[in-house]
Amino acid sequence: MSASDILEVLKEVRDILKTNFPVPTSLEAFYAGTHSCPAATVTTITWEIAVGYLVKVKKLYADAVPDTTYEWSIAGVAGAGNEIVFSHHIEIKRPGIITLAITNAGAVDEDVDVIIEGWAVKEVG
């Protein structure tokens, strides 16, 4: 292998790493919040993606509470459960949204902690 071949391989590896992992210029895309979910209702929470950013989501999490179900939607892909961890991140940009529908079938109001983990990169014009 010549020096230029090795350089090309290293550039390919760099590009793969930049695509799949945060780099120093990436912004942490982390949300944590508590949402009130009244008894016998469905509470829907929506997050919009900021203009000009590509967000890469690794984990969606909501506290597991009794008599409650969870339905996530991210970039049009639905998933059920209080925790979804992606082996390979999901990419989403505006006008994409993330939604969480929390169905509280119980007789007691619940406060549910929600976390979204990932990173964002500013799109180049």
PDB file of N, CA and C in Angstrom:
ATOM      1  N   MET A   1       0.838  -1.176   0.000  1.00  0.00           N
ATOM      2  CA  MET A   1       0.000   0.000   0.000  1.00  0.00           C
ATOM      3  C   MET A   1       0.886   1.244   0.000  1.00  0.00           C
ATOM      4  N   SER A   2       0.542   2.167  -0.849  1.00  0.00           N
ATOM      5  CA  SER A   2       1.314   3.407  -0.919  1.00  0.00           C
ATOM      6  C   SER A   2       0.838   4.377   0.167  1.00  0.00           C
ATOM      7  N   ALA A   3       1.609   5.419   0.381  1.00  0.00           N
ATOM      8  CA  ALA A   3       1.250   6.440   1.364  1.00  0.00           C
ATOM      9  C   ALA A   3      -0.070   7.106   1.010  1.00  0.00           C
ATOM     10  N   SER A   4      -0.331   7.338  -0.267  1.00  0.00           N
ATOM     11  CA  SER A   4      -1.599   7.969  -0.660  1.00  0.00           C
ATOM     12  C   SER A   4      -2.777   7.019  -0.432  1.00  0.00           C
ATOM     13  N   ASP A   5      -2.579   5.708  -0.611  1.00  0.00           N
ATOM     14  CA  ASP A   5      -3.640   4.727  -0.322  1.00  0.00           C
ATOM     15  C   ASP A   5      -3.975   4.724   1.169  1.00  0.00           C
ATOM     16  N   ILE A   6      -2.934   4.757   1.989  1.00  0.00           N
ATOM     17  CA  ILE A   6      -3.141   4.783   3.441  1.00  0.00           C
ATOM     18  C   ILE A   6      -3.864   6.057   3.846  1.00  0.00           C
ATOM     19  N   LEU A   7      -3.492   7.169   3.248  1.00  0.00           N
ATOM     20  CA  LEU A   7      -4.153   8.445   3.532  1.00  0.00           C
ATOM     21  C   LEU A   7      -5.637   8.381   3.166  1.00  0.00           C
ATOM     22  N   GLU A   8      -5.960   7.784   2.034  1.00  0.00           N
ATOM     23  CA  GLU A   8      -7.363   7.649   1.615  1.00  0.00           C
ATOM     24  C   GLU A   8      -8.146   6.779   2.593  1.00  0.00           C
ATOM     25  N   VAL A   9      -7.546   5.688   3.053  1.00  0.00           N
ATOM     26  CA  VAL A   9      -8.211   4.820   4.029  1.00  0.00           C
ATOM     27  C   VAL A   9      -8.455   5.581   5.325  1.00  0.00           C
ATOM     28  N   LEU A  10      -7.465   6.329   5.773  1.00  0.00           N
ATOM     29  CA  LEU A  10      -7.627   7.115   6.993  1.00  0.00           C
ATOM     30  C   LEU A  10      -8.722   8.169   6.844  1.00  0.00           C
ATOM     31  N   LYS A  11      -8.839   8.786   5.683  1.00  0.00           N
ATOM     32  CA  LYS A  11      -9.905   9.766   5.438  1.00  0.00           C
ATOM     33  C   LYS A  11     -11.271   9.095   5.493  1.00  0.00           C
ATOM     34  N   GLU A  12     -11.368   7.888   4.933  1.00  0.00           N
ATOM     35  CA  GLU A  12     -12.638   7.149   4.983  1.00  0.00           C
ATOM     36  C   GLU A  12     -13.012   6.808   6.423  1.00  0.00           C
ATOM     37  N   VAL A  13     -12.023   6.365   7.204  1.00  0.00           N
ATOM     38  CA  VAL A  13     -12.274   6.055   8.615  1.00  0.00           C
ATOM     39  C   VAL A  13     -12.720   7.313   9.350  1.00  0.00           C
ATOM     40  N   ARG A  14     -12.055   8.441   9.101  1.00  0.00           N
ATOM     41  CA  ARG A  14     -12.429   9.717   9.723  1.00  0.00           C
ATOM     42  C   ARG A  14     -13.875  10.070   9.399  1.00  0.00           C
ATOM     43  N   ASP A  15     -14.268   9.939   8.130  1.00  0.00           N
ATOM     44  CA  ASP A  15     -15.627  10.277   7.724  1.00  0.00           C
ATOM     45  C   ASP A  15     -16.654   9.362   8.394  1.00  0.00           C
ATOM     46  N   ILE A  16     -16.331   8.086   8.524  1.00  0.00           N
ATOM     47  CA  ILE A  16     -17.236   7.142   9.204  1.00  0.00           C
ATOM     48  C   ILE A  16     -17.388   7.545  10.668  1.00  0.00           C
ATOM     49  N   LEU A  17     -16.290   7.864  11.321  1.00  0.00           N
ATOM     50  CA  LEU A  17     -16.353   8.267  12.724  1.00  0.00           C
ATOM     51  C   LEU A  17     -17.131   9.566  12.894  1.00  0.00           C
ATOM     52  N   LYS A  18     -16.924  10.549  12.012  1.00  0.00           N
ATOM     53  CA  LYS A  18     -17.646  11.826  12.089  1.00  0.00           C
ATOM     54  C   LYS A  18     -19.144  11.627  11.909  1.00  0.00           C
ATOM     55  N   THR A  19     -19.528  10.644  11.105  1.00  0.00           N
ATOM     56  CA  THR A  19     -20.936  10.384  10.844  1.00  0.00           C
ATOM     57  C   THR A  19     -21.613   9.677  12.019  1.00  0.00           C
ATOM     58  N   ASN A  20     -20.880   8.822  12.711  1.00  0.00           N
ATOM     59  CA  ASN A  20     -21.484   7.946  13.701  1.00  0.00           C
ATOM     60  C   ASN A  20     -21.227   8.300  15.155  1.00  0.00           C
ATOM     61  N   PHE A  21     -20.345   9.263  15.400  1.00  0.00           N
ATOM     62  CA  PHE A  21     -20.026   9.654  16.765  1.00  0.00           C
ATOM     63  C   PHE A  21     -19.904  11.170  16.844  1.00  0.00           C
ATOM     64  N   PRO A  22     -20.166  11.744  18.026  1.00  0.00           N
ATOM     65  CA  PRO A  22     -19.991  13.192  18.171  1.00  0.00           C
ATOM     66  C   PRO A  22     -18.523  13.584  17.950  1.00  0.00           C
ATOM     67  N   VAL A  23     -18.345  14.769  17.410  1.00  0.00           N
ATOM     68  CA  VAL A  23     -17.008  15.335  17.237  1.00  0.00           C
ATOM     69  C   VAL A  23     -16.938  16.597  18.089  1.00  0.00           C
ATOM     70  N   PRO A  24     -15.751  17.164  18.283  1.00  0.00           N
ATOM     71  CA  PRO A  24     -15.658  18.345  19.159  1.00  0.00           C
ATOM     72  C   PRO A  24     -16.596  19.494  18.798  1.00  0.00           C
ATOM     73  N   THR A  25     -16.985  19.626  17.533  1.00  0.00           N
ATOM     74  CA  THR A  25     -17.882  20.721  17.155  1.00  0.00           C
ATOM     75  C   THR A  25     -19.361  20.355  17.299  1.00  0.00           C
ATOM     76  N   SER A  26     -19.663  19.102  17.673  1.00  0.00           N
ATOM     77  CA  SER A  26     -21.049  18.685  17.863  1.00  0.00           C
ATOM     78  C   SER A  26     -21.628  19.338  19.114  1.00  0.00           C
ATOM     79  N   LEU A  27     -22.918  19.552  19.093  1.00  0.00           N
ATOM     80  CA  LEU A  27     -23.631  20.069  20.259  1.00  0.00           C
ATOM     81  C   LEU A  27     -24.317  18.903  20.947  1.00  0.00           C
ATOM     82  N   GLU A  28     -24.262  18.892  22.262  1.00  0.00           N
ATOM     83  CA  GLU A  28     -24.972  17.853  22.985  1.00  0.00           C
ATOM     84  C   GLU A  28     -26.465  18.099  22.809  1.00  0.00           C
ATOM     85  N   ALA A  29     -27.181  17.072  22.367  1.00  0.00           N
ATOM     86  CA  ALA A  29     -28.632  17.171  22.222  1.00  0.00           C
ATOM     87  C   ALA A  29     -29.235  16.346  23.353  1.00  0.00           C
ATOM     88  N   PHE A  30     -29.480  16.996  24.456  1.00  0.00           N
ATOM     89  CA  PHE A  30     -29.961  16.309  25.647  1.00  0.00           C
ATOM     90  C   PHE A  30     -31.171  17.054  26.180  1.00  0.00           C
ATOM     91  N   TYR A  31     -32.241  16.319  26.410  1.00  0.00           N
ATOM     92  CA  TYR A  31     -33.434  16.909  27.000  1.00  0.00           C
ATOM     93  C   TYR A  31     -33.782  16.098  28.232  1.00  0.00           C
ATOM     94  N   ALA A  32     -34.104  16.771  29.306  1.00  0.00           N
ATOM     95  CA  ALA A  32     -34.618  16.128  30.509  1.00  0.00           C
ATOM     96  C   ALA A  32     -35.718  17.015  31.064  1.00  0.00           C
ATOM     97  N   GLY A  33     -36.850  16.419  31.350  1.00  0.00           N
ATOM     98  CA  GLY A  33     -37.958  17.191  31.895  1.00  0.00           C
ATOM     99  C   GLY A  33     -38.981  16.285  32.544  1.00  0.00           C
ATOM    100  N   THR A  34     -39.840  16.882  33.345  1.00  0.00           N
ATOM    101  CA  THR A  34     -40.906  16.157  34.022  1.00  0.00           C
ATOM    102  C   THR A  34     -42.239  16.630  33.463  1.00  0.00           C
ATOM    103  N   HIS A  35     -43.101  15.690  33.148  1.00  0.00           N
ATOM    104  CA  HIS A  35     -44.401  16.013  32.563  1.00  0.00           C
ATOM    105  C   HIS A  35     -45.510  15.400  33.416  1.00  0.00           C
ATOM    106  N   SER A  36     -46.536  16.200  33.681  1.00  0.00           N
ATOM    107  CA  SER A  36     -47.688  15.729  34.438  1.00  0.00           C
ATOM    108  C   SER A  36     -48.632  14.977  33.511  1.00  0.00           C
ATOM    109  N   CYS A  37     -49.043  13.789  33.952  1.00  0.00           N
ATOM    110  CA  CYS A  37     -49.939  12.942  33.168  1.00  0.00           C
ATOM    111  C   CYS A  37     -51.160  12.632  34.021  1.00  0.00           C
ATOM    112  N   PRO A  38     -52.246  13.370  33.802  1.00  0.00           N
ATOM    113  CA  PRO A  38     -53.450  13.145  34.602  1.00  0.00           C
ATOM    114  C   PRO A  38     -53.996  11.728  34.428  1.00  0.00           C
ATOM    115  N   ALA A  39     -54.676  11.253  35.446  1.00  0.00           N
ATOM    116  CA  ALA A  39     -55.277   9.920  35.418  1.00  0.00           C
ATOM    117  C   ALA A  39     -56.260   9.799  34.265  1.00  0.00           C
ATOM    118  N   ALA A  40     -56.319   8.616  33.678  1.00  0.00           N
ATOM    119  CA  ALA A  40     -57.278   8.266  32.617  1.00  0.00           C
ATOM    120  C   ALA A  40     -57.201   9.203  31.411  1.00  0.00           C
ATOM    121  N   THR A  41     -55.993   9.623  31.041  1.00  0.00           N
ATOM    122  CA  THR A  41     -55.818  10.502  29.880  1.00  0.00           C
ATOM    123  C   THR A  41     -54.599  10.067  29.071  1.00  0.00           C
ATOM    124  N   VAL A  42     -54.486  10.653  27.886  1.00  0.00           N
ATOM    125  CA  VAL A  42     -53.288  10.514  27.060  1.00  0.00           C
ATOM    126  C   VAL A  42     -52.625  11.890  27.013  1.00  0.00           C
ATOM    127  N   THR A  43     -51.375  11.941  27.389  1.00  0.00           N
ATOM    128  CA  THR A  43     -50.596  13.172  27.330  1.00  0.00           C
ATOM    129  C   THR A  43     -49.610  13.037  26.182  1.00  0.00           C
ATOM    130  N   THR A  44     -49.646  13.974  25.231  1.00  0.00           N
ATOM    131  CA  THR A  44     -48.728  13.940  24.096  1.00  0.00           C
ATOM    132  C   THR A  44     -47.741  15.086  24.214  1.00  0.00           C
ATOM    133  N   ILE A  45     -46.459  14.750  24.101  1.00  0.00           N
ATOM    134  CA  ILE A  45     -45.378  15.725  24.192  1.00  0.00           C
ATOM    135  C   ILE A  45     -44.682  15.746  22.841  1.00  0.00           C
ATOM    136  N   THR A  46     -44.389  16.934  22.334  1.00  0.00           N
ATOM    137  CA  THR A  46     -43.768  17.075  21.018  1.00  0.00           C
ATOM    138  C   THR A  46     -42.516  17.930  21.126  1.00  0.00           C
ATOM    139  N   TRP A  47     -41.452  17.482  20.462  1.00  0.00           N
ATOM    140  CA  TRP A  47     -40.213  18.242  20.372  1.00  0.00           C
ATOM    141  C   TRP A  47     -39.952  18.531  18.910  1.00  0.00           C
ATOM    142  N   GLU A  48     -39.716  19.809  18.568  1.00  0.00           N
ATOM    143  CA  GLU A  48     -39.381  20.197  17.197  1.00  0.00           C
ATOM    144  C   GLU A  48     -37.867  20.347  17.079  1.00  0.00           C
ATOM    145  N   ILE A  49     -37.346  20.007  15.933  1.00  0.00           N
ATOM    146  CA  ILE A  49     -35.917  20.122  15.682  1.00  0.00           C
ATOM    147  C   ILE A  49     -35.600  21.553  15.255  1.00  0.00           C
ATOM    148  N   ALA A  50     -34.529  22.123  15.779  1.00  0.00           N
ATOM    149  CA  ALA A  50     -34.130  23.493  15.442  1.00  0.00           C
ATOM    150  C   ALA A  50     -33.713  23.578  13.979  1.00  0.00           C
ATOM    151  N   VAL A  51     -34.039  24.691  13.352  1.00  0.00           N
ATOM    152  CA  VAL A  51     -33.679  24.926  11.955  1.00  0.00           C
ATOM    153  C   VAL A  51     -32.157  24.906  11.810  1.00  0.00           C
ATOM    154  N   GLY A  52     -31.684  24.222  10.780  1.00  0.00           N
ATOM    155  CA  GLY A  52     -30.260  24.214  10.476  1.00  0.00           C
ATOM    156  C   GLY A  52     -29.440  23.172  11.203  1.00  0.00           C
ATOM    157  N   TYR A  53     -30.097  22.272  11.918  1.00  0.00           N
ATOM    158  CA  TYR A  53     -29.373  21.240  12.658  1.00  0.00           C
ATOM    159  C   TYR A  53     -29.836  19.851  12.261  1.00  0.00           C
ATOM    160  N   LEU A  54     -28.902  18.929  12.261  1.00  0.00           N
ATOM    161  CA  LEU A  54     -29.174  17.507  12.095  1.00  0.00           C
ATOM    162  C   LEU A  54     -28.968  16.892  13.471  1.00  0.00           C
ATOM    163  N   VAL A  55     -30.026  16.320  14.033  1.00  0.00           N
ATOM    164  CA  VAL A  55     -29.968  15.744  15.367  1.00  0.00           C
ATOM    165  C   VAL A  55     -29.847  14.226  15.237  1.00  0.00           C
ATOM    166  N   LYS A  56     -28.952  13.663  16.019  1.00  0.00           N
ATOM    167  CA  LYS A  56     -28.714  12.224  16.010  1.00  0.00           C
ATOM    168  C   LYS A  56     -29.095  11.696  17.389  1.00  0.00           C
ATOM    169  N   VAL A  57     -30.178  10.929  17.446  1.00  0.00           N
ATOM    170  CA  VAL A  57     -30.738  10.463  18.712  1.00  0.00           C
ATOM    171  C   VAL A  57     -30.275   9.037  18.995  1.00  0.00           C
ATOM    172  N   LYS A  58     -29.773   8.820  20.223  1.00  0.00           N
ATOM    173  CA  LYS A  58     -29.317   7.496  20.644  1.00  0.00           C
ATOM    174  C   LYS A  58     -30.286   6.824  21.608  1.00  0.00           C
ATOM    175  N   LYS A  59     -30.990   7.624  22.442  1.00  0.00           N
ATOM    176  CA  LYS A  59     -31.807   7.017  23.488  1.00  0.00           C
ATOM    177  C   LYS A  59     -33.029   7.878  23.778  1.00  0.00           C
ATOM    178  N   LEU A  60     -34.171   7.203  23.936  1.00  0.00           N
ATOM    179  CA  LEU A  60     -35.422   7.816  24.367  1.00  0.00           C
ATOM    180  C   LEU A  60     -35.830   7.108  25.657  1.00  0.00           C
ATOM    181  N   TYR A  61     -36.156   7.875  26.689  1.00  0.00           N
ATOM    182  CA  TYR A  61     -36.471   7.256  27.977  1.00  0.00           C
ATOM    183  C   TYR A  61     -37.564   8.036  28.698  1.00  0.00           C
ATOM    184  N   ALA A  62     -38.477   7.288  29.320  1.00  0.00           N
ATOM    185  CA  ALA A  62     -39.485   7.872  30.211  1.00  0.00           C
ATOM    186  C   ALA A  62     -39.614   6.937  31.410  1.00  0.00           C
ATOM    187  N   ASP A  63     -39.792   7.531  32.591  1.00  0.00           N
ATOM    188  CA  ASP A  63     -39.949   6.706  33.790  1.00  0.00           C
ATOM    189  C   ASP A  63     -41.088   5.712  33.608  1.00  0.00           C
ATOM    190  N   ALA A  64     -40.867   4.500  34.047  1.00  0.00           N
ATOM    191  CA  ALA A  64     -41.928   3.491  34.039  1.00  0.00           C
ATOM    192  C   ALA A  64     -42.784   3.697  35.287  1.00  0.00           C
ATOM    193  N   VAL A  65     -44.053   3.972  35.089  1.00  0.00           N
ATOM    194  CA  VAL A  65     -44.978   4.125  36.210  1.00  0.00           C
ATOM    195  C   VAL A  65     -46.142   3.156  36.014  1.00  0.00           C
ATOM    196  N   PRO A  66     -46.823   2.767  37.097  1.00  0.00           N
ATOM    197  CA  PRO A  66     -47.900   1.777  36.992  1.00  0.00           C
ATOM    198  C   PRO A  66     -49.039   2.243  36.075  1.00  0.00           C
ATOM    199  N   ASP A  67     -49.648   1.286  35.397  1.00  0.00           N
ATOM    200  CA  ASP A  67     -50.835   1.512  34.556  1.00  0.00           C
ATOM    201  C   ASP A  67     -50.590   2.549  33.459  1.00  0.00           C
ATOM    202  N   THR A  68     -49.361   2.609  32.945  1.00  0.00           N
ATOM    203  CA  THR A  68     -49.017   3.610  31.948  1.00  0.00           C
ATOM    204  C   THR A  68     -48.310   2.944  30.774  1.00  0.00           C
ATOM    205  N   THR A  69     -48.668   3.375  29.548  1.00  0.00           N
ATOM    206  CA  THR A  69     -47.994   2.889  28.347  1.00  0.00           C
ATOM    207  C   THR A  69     -47.399   4.079  27.602  1.00  0.00           C
ATOM    208  N   TYR A  70     -46.425   3.785  26.739  1.00  0.00           N
ATOM    209  CA  TYR A  70     -45.667   4.826  26.053  1.00  0.00           C
ATOM    210  C   TYR A  70     -45.582   4.501  24.570  1.00  0.00           C
ATOM    211  N   GLU A  71     -45.800   5.501  23.732  1.00  0.00           N
ATOM    212  CA  GLU A  71     -45.666   5.347  22.278  1.00  0.00           C
ATOM    213  C   GLU A  71     -44.839   6.514  21.764  1.00  0.00           C
ATOM    214  N   TRP A  72     -43.638   6.182  21.258  1.00  0.00           N
ATOM    215  CA  TRP A  72     -42.724   7.178  20.711  1.00  0.00           C
ATOM    216  C   TRP A  72     -42.865   7.231  19.201  1.00  0.00           C
ATOM    217  N   SER A  73     -42.627   8.394  18.630  1.00  0.00           N
ATOM    218  CA  SER A  73     -42.519   8.535  17.183  1.00  0.00           C
ATOM    219  C   SER A  73     -41.354   9.484  16.913  1.00  0.00           C
ATOM    220  N   ILE A  74     -40.426   9.014  16.086  1.00  0.00           N
ATOM    221  CA  ILE A  74     -39.278   9.838  15.751  1.00  0.00           C
ATOM    222  C   ILE A  74     -39.041   9.715  14.254  1.00  0.00           C
ATOM    223  N   ALA A  75     -39.111  10.845  13.583  1.00  0.00           N
ATOM    224  CA  ALA A  75     -38.932  10.878  12.124  1.00  0.00           C
ATOM    225  C   ALA A  75     -39.879   9.901  11.436  1.00  0.00           C
ATOM    226  N   GLY A  76     -41.097   9.795  11.952  1.00  0.00           N
ATOM    227  CA  GLY A  76     -42.106   8.934  11.339  1.00  0.00           C
ATOM    228  C   GLY A  76     -42.020   7.471  11.709  1.00  0.00           C
ATOM    229  N   VAL A  77     -41.066   7.093  12.542  1.00  0.00           N
ATOM    230  CA  VAL A  77     -40.913   5.698  12.967  1.00  0.00           C
ATOM    231  C   VAL A  77     -41.461   5.572  14.382  1.00  0.00           C
ATOM    232  N   ALA A  78     -42.374   4.621  14.582  1.00  0.00           N
ATOM    233  CA  ALA A  78     -43.010   4.458  15.885  1.00  0.00           C
ATOM    234  C   ALA A  78     -42.348   3.332  16.672  1.00  0.00           C
ATOM    235  N   GLY A  79     -42.353   3.511  17.989  1.00  0.00           N
ATOM    236  CA  GLY A  79     -41.839   2.486  18.889  1.00  0.00           C
ATOM    237  C   GLY A  79     -42.565   2.562  20.213  1.00  0.00           C
ATOM    238  N   ALA A  80     -42.841   1.396  20.795  1.00  0.00           N
ATOM    239  CA  ALA A  80     -43.553   1.347  22.068  1.00  0.00           C
ATOM    240  C   ALA A  80     -42.578   1.006  23.186  1.00  0.00           C
ATOM    241  N   GLY A  81     -42.887   1.507  24.368  1.00  0.00           N
ATOM    242  CA  GLY A  81     -42.078   1.203  25.542  1.00  0.00           C
ATOM    243  C   GLY A  81     -41.539   2.456  26.177  1.00  0.00           C
ATOM    244  N   ASN A  82     -41.148   2.320  27.436  1.00  0.00           N
ATOM    245  CA  ASN A  82     -40.664   3.503  28.140  1.00  0.00           C
ATOM    246  C   ASN A  82     -39.194   3.803  27.829  1.00  0.00           C
ATOM    247  N   GLU A  83     -38.475   2.836  27.233  1.00  0.00           N
ATOM    248  CA  GLU A  83     -37.068   3.082  26.904  1.00  0.00           C
ATOM    249  C   GLU A  83     -36.735   2.457  25.559  1.00  0.00           C
ATOM    250  N   ILE A  84     -36.161   3.278  24.685  1.00  0.00           N
ATOM    251  CA  ILE A  84     -35.706   2.801  23.380  1.00  0.00           C
ATOM    252  C   ILE A  84     -34.266   3.263  23.211  1.00  0.00           C
ATOM    253  N   VAL A  85     -33.379   2.307  23.000  1.00  0.00           N
ATOM    254  CA  VAL A  85     -31.969   2.606  22.782  1.00  0.00           C
ATOM    255  C   VAL A  85     -31.629   2.109  21.382  1.00  0.00           C
ATOM    256  N   PHE A  86     -31.090   2.979  20.565  1.00  0.00           N
ATOM    257  CA  PHE A  86     -30.754   2.630  19.186  1.00  0.00           C
ATOM    258  C   PHE A  86     -29.307   2.153  19.115  1.00  0.00           C
ATOM    259  N   SER A  87     -29.081   1.009  18.478  1.00  0.00           N
ATOM    260  CA  SER A  87     -27.709   0.534  18.307  1.00  0.00           C
ATOM    261  C   SER A  87     -26.965   1.445  17.335  1.00  0.00           C
ATOM    262  N   HIS A  88     -27.699   2.039  16.412  1.00  0.00           N
ATOM    263  CA  HIS A  88     -27.159   3.059  15.513  1.00  0.00           C
ATOM    264  C   HIS A  88     -28.115   4.232  15.605  1.00  0.00           C
ATOM    265  N   HIS A  89     -27.608   5.407  15.824  1.00  0.00           N
ATOM    266  CA  HIS A  89     -28.453   6.583  16.049  1.00  0.00           C
ATOM    267  C   HIS A  89     -29.493   6.776  14.934  1.00  0.00           C
ATOM    268  N   ILE A  90     -30.556   7.496  15.274  1.00  0.00           N
ATOM    269  CA  ILE A  90     -31.584   7.910  14.320  1.00  0.00           C
ATOM    270  C   ILE A  90     -31.315   9.374  13.984  1.00  0.00           C
ATOM    271  N   GLU A  91     -31.261   9.702  12.701  1.00  0.00           N
ATOM    272  CA  GLU A  91     -31.043  11.087  12.283  1.00  0.00           C
ATOM    273  C   GLU A  91     -32.376  11.760  11.994  1.00  0.00           C
ATOM    274  N   ILE A  92     -32.495  12.988  12.451  1.00  0.00           N
ATOM    275  CA  ILE A  92     -33.734  13.740  12.249  1.00  0.00           C
ATOM    276  C   ILE A  92     -33.382  15.214  12.096  1.00  0.00           C
ATOM    277  N   LYS A  93     -34.051  15.869  11.157  1.00  0.00           N
ATOM    278  CA  LYS A  93     -33.885  17.312  10.997  1.00  0.00           C
ATOM    279  C   LYS A  93     -35.242  17.915  10.698  1.00  0.00           C
ATOM    280  N   ARG A  94     -35.323  19.227  10.807  1.00  0.00           N
ATOM    281  CA  ARG A  94     -36.571  19.937  10.557  1.00  0.00           C
ATOM    282  C   ARG A  94     -37.036  19.683   9.138  1.00  0.00           C
ATOM    283  N   PRO A  95     -38.283  19.378   8.906  1.00  0.00           N
ATOM    284  CA  PRO A  95     -39.431  19.575   9.781  1.00  0.00           C
ATOM    285  C   PRO A  95     -39.746  18.375  10.672  1.00  0.00           C
ATOM    286  N   GLY A  96     -38.806  17.468  10.832  1.00  0.00           N
ATOM    287  CA  GLY A  96     -39.039  16.295  11.660  1.00  0.00           C
ATOM    288  C   GLY A  96     -39.322  16.645  13.104  1.00  0.00           C
ATOM    289  N   ILE A  97     -40.067  15.789  13.754  1.00  0.00           N
ATOM    290  CA  ILE A  97     -40.400  15.984  15.164  1.00  0.00           C
ATOM    291  C   ILE A  97     -40.248  14.661  15.905  1.00  0.00           C
ATOM    292  N   ILE A  98     -40.152  14.775  17.206  1.00  0.00           N
ATOM    293  CA  ILE A  98     -40.179  13.623  18.100  1.00  0.00           C
ATOM    294  C   ILE A  98     -41.424  13.784  18.948  1.00  0.00           C
ATOM    295  N   THR A  99     -42.224  12.722  19.050  1.00  0.00           N
ATOM    296  CA  THR A  99     -43.406  12.790  19.911  1.00  0.00           C
ATOM    297  C   THR A  99     -43.413  11.602  20.870  1.00  0.00           C
ATOM    298  N   LEU A 100     -44.016  11.820  22.004  1.00  0.00           N
ATOM    299  CA  LEU A 100     -44.225  10.776  23.002  1.00  0.00           C
ATOM    300  C   LEU A 100     -45.668  10.890  23.482  1.00  0.00           C
ATOM    301  N   ALA A 101     -46.417   9.807  23.304  1.00  0.00           N
ATOM    302  CA  ALA A 101     -47.781   9.740  23.837  1.00  0.00           C
ATOM    303  C   ALA A 101     -47.749   8.844  25.068  1.00  0.00           C
ATOM    304  N   ILE A 102     -48.117   9.411  26.206  1.00  0.00           N
ATOM    305  CA  ILE A 102     -48.141   8.670  27.469  1.00  0.00           C
ATOM    306  C   ILE A 102     -49.599   8.439  27.841  1.00  0.00           C
ATOM    307  N   THR A 103     -49.992   7.182  27.896  1.00  0.00           N
ATOM    308  CA  THR A 103     -51.362   6.824  28.265  1.00  0.00           C
ATOM    309  C   THR A 103     -51.369   6.386  29.720  1.00  0.00           C
ATOM    310  N   ASN A 104     -52.018   7.181  30.558  1.00  0.00           N
ATOM    311  CA  ASN A 104     -52.134   6.865  31.980  1.00  0.00           C
ATOM    312  C   ASN A 104     -53.521   6.266  32.195  1.00  0.00           C
ATOM    313  N   ALA A 105     -53.580   4.945  32.250  1.00  0.00           N
ATOM    314  CA  ALA A 105     -54.860   4.254  32.443  1.00  0.00           C
ATOM    315  C   ALA A 105     -55.226   4.116  33.913  1.00  0.00           C
ATOM    316  N   GLY A 106     -54.379   4.622  34.791  1.00  0.00           N
ATOM    317  CA  GLY A 106     -54.621   4.499  36.222  1.00  0.00           C
ATOM    318  C   GLY A 106     -55.594   5.530  36.759  1.00  0.00           C
ATOM    319  N   ALA A 107     -55.853   5.430  38.058  1.00  0.00           N
ATOM    320  CA  ALA A 107     -56.766   6.344  38.732  1.00  0.00           C
ATOM    321  C   ALA A 107     -56.020   7.469  39.446  1.00  0.00           C
ATOM    322  N   VAL A 108     -54.696   7.506  39.275  1.00  0.00           N
ATOM    323  CA  VAL A 108     -53.868   8.482  39.980  1.00  0.00           C
ATOM    324  C   VAL A 108     -53.071   9.297  38.958  1.00  0.00           C
ATOM    325  N   ASP A 109     -53.002  10.613  39.167  1.00  0.00           N
ATOM    326  CA  ASP A 109     -52.146  11.457  38.327  1.00  0.00           C
ATOM    327  C   ASP A 109     -50.686  11.051  38.541  1.00  0.00           C
ATOM    328  N   GLU A 110     -49.899  11.086  37.479  1.00  0.00           N
ATOM    329  CA  GLU A 110     -48.488  10.697  37.562  1.00  0.00           C
ATOM    330  C   GLU A 110     -47.603  11.797  36.978  1.00  0.00           C
ATOM    331  N   ASP A 111     -46.439  11.991  37.567  1.00  0.00           N
ATOM    332  CA  ASP A 111     -45.395  12.829  36.982  1.00  0.00           C
ATOM    333  C   ASP A 111     -44.371  11.893  36.366  1.00  0.00           C
ATOM    334  N   VAL A 112     -44.065  12.107  35.090  1.00  0.00           N
ATOM    335  CA  VAL A 112     -43.167  11.219  34.357  1.00  0.00           C
ATOM    336  C   VAL A 112     -41.931  12.015  33.925  1.00  0.00           C
ATOM    337  N   ASP A 113     -40.763  11.525  34.323  1.00  0.00           N
ATOM    338  CA  ASP A 113     -39.503  12.114  33.868  1.00  0.00           C
ATOM    339  C   ASP A 113     -39.178  11.556  32.488  1.00  0.00           C
ATOM    340  N   VAL A 114     -38.759  12.435  31.582  1.00  0.00           N
ATOM    341  CA  VAL A 114     -38.451  12.056  30.198  1.00  0.00           C
ATOM    342  C   VAL A 114     -37.039  12.529  29.867  1.00  0.00           C
ATOM    343  N   ILE A 115     -36.287  11.670  29.171  1.00  0.00           N
ATOM    344  CA  ILE A 115     -34.926  12.006  28.748  1.00  0.00           C
ATOM    345  C   ILE A 115     -34.760  11.628  27.281  1.00  0.00           C
ATOM    346  N   ILE A 116     -34.151  12.527  26.510  1.00  0.00           N
ATOM    347  CA  ILE A 116     -33.745  12.245  25.132  1.00  0.00           C
ATOM    348  C   ILE A 116     -32.245  12.529  25.061  1.00  0.00           C
ATOM    349  N   GLU A 117     -31.466  11.538  24.601  1.00  0.00           N
ATOM    350  CA  GLU A 117     -30.016  11.693  24.520  1.00  0.00           C
ATOM    351  C   GLU A 117     -29.546  11.581  23.075  1.00  0.00           C
ATOM    352  N   GLY A 118     -28.579  12.404  22.725  1.00  0.00           N
ATOM    353  CA  GLY A 118     -27.986  12.360  21.401  1.00  0.00           C
ATOM    354  C   GLY A 118     -27.054  13.538  21.201  1.00  0.00           C
ATOM    355  N   TRP A 119     -26.855  13.910  19.954  1.00  0.00           N
ATOM    356  CA  TRP A 119     -26.028  15.071  19.636  1.00  0.00           C
ATOM    357  C   TRP A 119     -26.528  15.700  18.347  1.00  0.00           C
ATOM    358  N   ALA A 120     -26.098  16.927  18.089  1.00  0.00           N
ATOM    359  CA  ALA A 120     -26.538  17.657  16.910  1.00  0.00           C
ATOM    360  C   ALA A 120     -25.327  18.261  16.208  1.00  0.00           C
ATOM    361  N   VAL A 121     -25.447  18.344  14.898  1.00  0.00           N
ATOM    362  CA  VAL A 121     -24.410  19.007  14.110  1.00  0.00           C
ATOM    363  C   VAL A 121     -25.082  20.076  13.250  1.00  0.00           C
ATOM    364  N   LYS A 122     -24.432  21.212  13.163  1.00  0.00           N
ATOM    365  CA  LYS A 122     -24.949  22.305  12.345  1.00  0.00           C
ATOM    366  C   LYS A 122     -24.741  21.927  10.893  1.00  0.00           C
ATOM    367  N   GLU A 123     -25.824  22.027  10.105  1.00  0.00           N
ATOM    368  CA  GLU A 123     -25.723  21.705   8.691  1.00  0.00           C
ATOM    369  C   GLU A 123     -25.005  22.818   7.955  1.00  0.00           C
ATOM    370  N   VAL A 124     -24.165  22.431   7.046  1.00  0.00           N
ATOM    371  CA  VAL A 124     -23.416  23.399   6.238  1.00  0.00           C
ATOM    372  C   VAL A 124     -24.300  23.855   5.090  1.00  0.00           C
ATOM    373  N   GLY A 125     -24.466  25.188   4.965  1.00  0.00           N
ATOM    374  CA  GLY A 125     -25.317  25.822   3.972  1.00  0.00           C
ATOM    375  C   GLY A 125     -25.230  25.222   2.658  1.00  0.00           C
TER     376      GLY A 125
END
